[in-house]
Every structure is written in structure tokens, then in C-alpha cells.
N, C-alpha and C. Protein backbone atom coordinates (compact mmCIF):
# COMPACT_ATOMS: atom_id res chain seq x y z
N MET A 1 0.83 -1.20 0.00
CA MET A 1 0.00 0.00 0.00
C MET A 1 0.86 1.26 0.00
N MET A 2 1.86 1.33 0.90
CA MET A 2 2.71 2.51 0.93
C MET A 2 3.52 2.65 -0.34
N PHE A 3 3.97 1.50 -0.87
CA PHE A 3 4.75 1.52 -2.10
C PHE A 3 3.91 2.08 -3.24
N ALA A 4 2.67 1.63 -3.36
CA ALA A 4 1.79 2.11 -4.42
C ALA A 4 1.54 3.61 -4.27
N PHE A 5 1.33 4.08 -3.04
CA PHE A 5 1.12 5.51 -2.79
C PHE A 5 2.34 6.30 -3.25
N ALA A 6 3.52 5.84 -2.88
CA ALA A 6 4.75 6.56 -3.21
C ALA A 6 4.98 6.60 -4.71
N VAL A 7 4.76 5.48 -5.37
CA VAL A 7 5.02 5.42 -6.80
C VAL A 7 3.95 6.18 -7.58
N LEU A 8 2.69 5.95 -7.28
CA LEU A 8 1.61 6.56 -8.06
C LEU A 8 1.35 8.01 -7.70
N ARG A 9 1.27 8.31 -6.43
CA ARG A 9 0.88 9.65 -6.01
C ARG A 9 2.06 10.61 -5.98
N LEU A 10 3.22 10.14 -5.54
CA LEU A 10 4.37 11.03 -5.41
C LEU A 10 5.32 10.96 -6.59
N GLY A 11 5.11 9.98 -7.47
CA GLY A 11 5.93 9.88 -8.66
C GLY A 11 7.34 9.36 -8.42
N LEU A 12 7.54 8.62 -7.34
CA LEU A 12 8.86 8.07 -7.06
C LEU A 12 9.07 6.79 -7.86
N SER A 13 10.29 6.58 -8.29
CA SER A 13 10.62 5.30 -8.92
C SER A 13 10.78 4.27 -7.81
N PRO A 14 10.66 2.99 -8.13
CA PRO A 14 10.87 1.96 -7.10
C PRO A 14 12.24 2.09 -6.43
N ALA A 15 13.27 2.39 -7.20
CA ALA A 15 14.61 2.54 -6.62
C ALA A 15 14.65 3.70 -5.63
N ASP A 16 14.00 4.82 -5.98
CA ASP A 16 13.96 5.97 -5.08
C ASP A 16 13.18 5.64 -3.80
N PHE A 17 12.08 4.91 -3.95
CA PHE A 17 11.28 4.54 -2.79
C PHE A 17 12.11 3.75 -1.78
N TRP A 18 12.86 2.78 -2.25
CA TRP A 18 13.59 1.90 -1.34
C TRP A 18 14.81 2.56 -0.72
N THR A 19 15.21 3.73 -1.21
CA THR A 19 16.35 4.43 -0.61
C THR A 19 15.92 5.52 0.38
N LEU A 20 14.62 5.74 0.53
CA LEU A 20 14.15 6.77 1.47
C LEU A 20 14.43 6.36 2.92
N SER A 21 14.84 7.34 3.72
CA SER A 21 14.97 7.09 5.15
C SER A 21 13.58 7.24 5.79
N ALA A 22 13.46 6.81 7.02
CA ALA A 22 12.18 6.94 7.73
C ALA A 22 11.79 8.41 7.86
N ALA A 23 12.76 9.27 8.13
CA ALA A 23 12.47 10.70 8.27
C ALA A 23 11.99 11.29 6.94
N GLU A 24 12.61 10.90 5.84
CA GLU A 24 12.18 11.38 4.52
C GLU A 24 10.78 10.89 4.19
N TRP A 25 10.50 9.63 4.51
CA TRP A 25 9.19 9.06 4.25
C TRP A 25 8.11 9.79 5.04
N ARG A 26 8.37 10.06 6.32
CA ARG A 26 7.39 10.78 7.15
C ARG A 26 7.18 12.20 6.62
N ALA A 27 8.24 12.86 6.19
CA ALA A 27 8.11 14.21 5.64
C ALA A 27 7.26 14.20 4.37
N LEU A 28 7.45 13.21 3.51
CA LEU A 28 6.63 13.11 2.29
C LEU A 28 5.17 12.85 2.62
N LEU A 29 4.91 11.98 3.59
CA LEU A 29 3.53 11.69 3.97
C LEU A 29 2.86 12.91 4.57
N ASP A 30 3.58 13.66 5.42
CA ASP A 30 3.01 14.87 6.01
C ASP A 30 2.68 15.90 4.94
N ALA A 31 3.57 16.04 3.96
CA ALA A 31 3.35 17.02 2.89
C ALA A 31 2.17 16.63 2.00
N ALA A 32 1.93 15.33 1.85
CA ALA A 32 0.86 14.86 0.97
C ALA A 32 -0.48 14.73 1.68
N ALA A 33 -0.49 14.88 3.00
CA ALA A 33 -1.72 14.71 3.76
C ALA A 33 -2.70 15.84 3.45
N PRO A 34 -3.97 15.52 3.35
CA PRO A 34 -4.97 16.58 3.11
C PRO A 34 -5.06 17.51 4.31
N GLN A 35 -5.31 18.77 4.04
CA GLN A 35 -5.43 19.75 5.10
C GLN A 35 -6.88 19.78 5.61
N ALA A 36 -7.02 20.01 6.89
CA ALA A 36 -8.36 20.08 7.49
C ALA A 36 -9.05 21.37 7.06
N MET A 37 -10.36 21.30 6.95
CA MET A 37 -11.14 22.48 6.60
C MET A 37 -11.26 23.38 7.82
N THR A 38 -11.11 24.68 7.61
CA THR A 38 -11.26 25.64 8.70
C THR A 38 -12.75 25.89 8.96
N ARG A 39 -13.04 26.45 10.11
CA ARG A 39 -14.42 26.78 10.46
C ARG A 39 -15.02 27.77 9.48
N ASP A 40 -14.22 28.77 9.08
CA ASP A 40 -14.71 29.77 8.12
C ASP A 40 -15.02 29.14 6.76
N ALA A 41 -14.15 28.22 6.33
CA ALA A 41 -14.39 27.55 5.05
C ALA A 41 -15.64 26.69 5.12
N LEU A 42 -15.85 26.02 6.25
CA LEU A 42 -17.06 25.21 6.41
C LEU A 42 -18.31 26.09 6.39
N SER A 43 -18.26 27.21 7.08
CA SER A 43 -19.41 28.13 7.08
C SER A 43 -19.71 28.63 5.67
N ALA A 44 -18.67 28.98 4.92
CA ALA A 44 -18.86 29.45 3.55
C ALA A 44 -19.46 28.35 2.68
N LEU A 45 -19.00 27.13 2.85
CA LEU A 45 -19.54 26.00 2.09
C LEU A 45 -21.01 25.78 2.43
N MET A 46 -21.34 25.86 3.71
CA MET A 46 -22.73 25.66 4.13
C MET A 46 -23.63 26.77 3.59
N LYS A 47 -23.15 28.00 3.56
CA LYS A 47 -23.95 29.10 3.01
C LYS A 47 -24.16 28.93 1.52
N THR A 48 -23.13 28.49 0.82
CA THR A 48 -23.20 28.31 -0.63
C THR A 48 -24.15 27.19 -1.01
N HIS A 49 -24.15 26.12 -0.23
CA HIS A 49 -24.92 24.94 -0.61
C HIS A 49 -26.11 24.68 0.32
N GLY A 50 -26.60 25.71 0.99
CA GLY A 50 -27.82 25.59 1.78
C GLY A 50 -27.72 24.66 2.97
N GLY A 51 -26.68 24.80 3.75
CA GLY A 51 -26.48 23.92 4.90
C GLY A 51 -27.14 24.41 6.17
N GLY A 52 -28.13 25.24 6.07
CA GLY A 52 -28.81 25.70 7.29
C GLY A 52 -28.20 26.96 7.84
N ASP A 53 -28.24 27.08 9.15
CA ASP A 53 -27.74 28.30 9.83
C ASP A 53 -26.25 28.23 9.99
N ALA A 54 -25.54 28.88 9.11
CA ALA A 54 -24.07 28.91 9.21
C ALA A 54 -23.60 30.25 9.68
């Protein structure tokens, strides 16, 4: 699973994947992680799409 993520999503070659250190791997995963939605962004989304009292 991690190998497929690295190769497909990050564009690493198999050789590059196997040479990553644990610190490099964690840094790549942190950078690729989705960001949480802020309260203001959620309120704007709810107003745009009729989510009630935002």
C-alpha cells in the first residue's frame, strides 16, 4: 500500500522509494496529507450549498 502511494501519487521510482529514510518518508507523507477544513471555510460552504444556519 505505501509503495503504491509513493510510486503513483508522489511519482517516485521503485529505486527511489527503497532508498528513502524513515524521516524522509514521514516528511513526504506529512506534505501529501490533506489539510483540514477551517471553520470559516465550512461556514462558507454551508452558506453556498444551503447547509442551514451557518
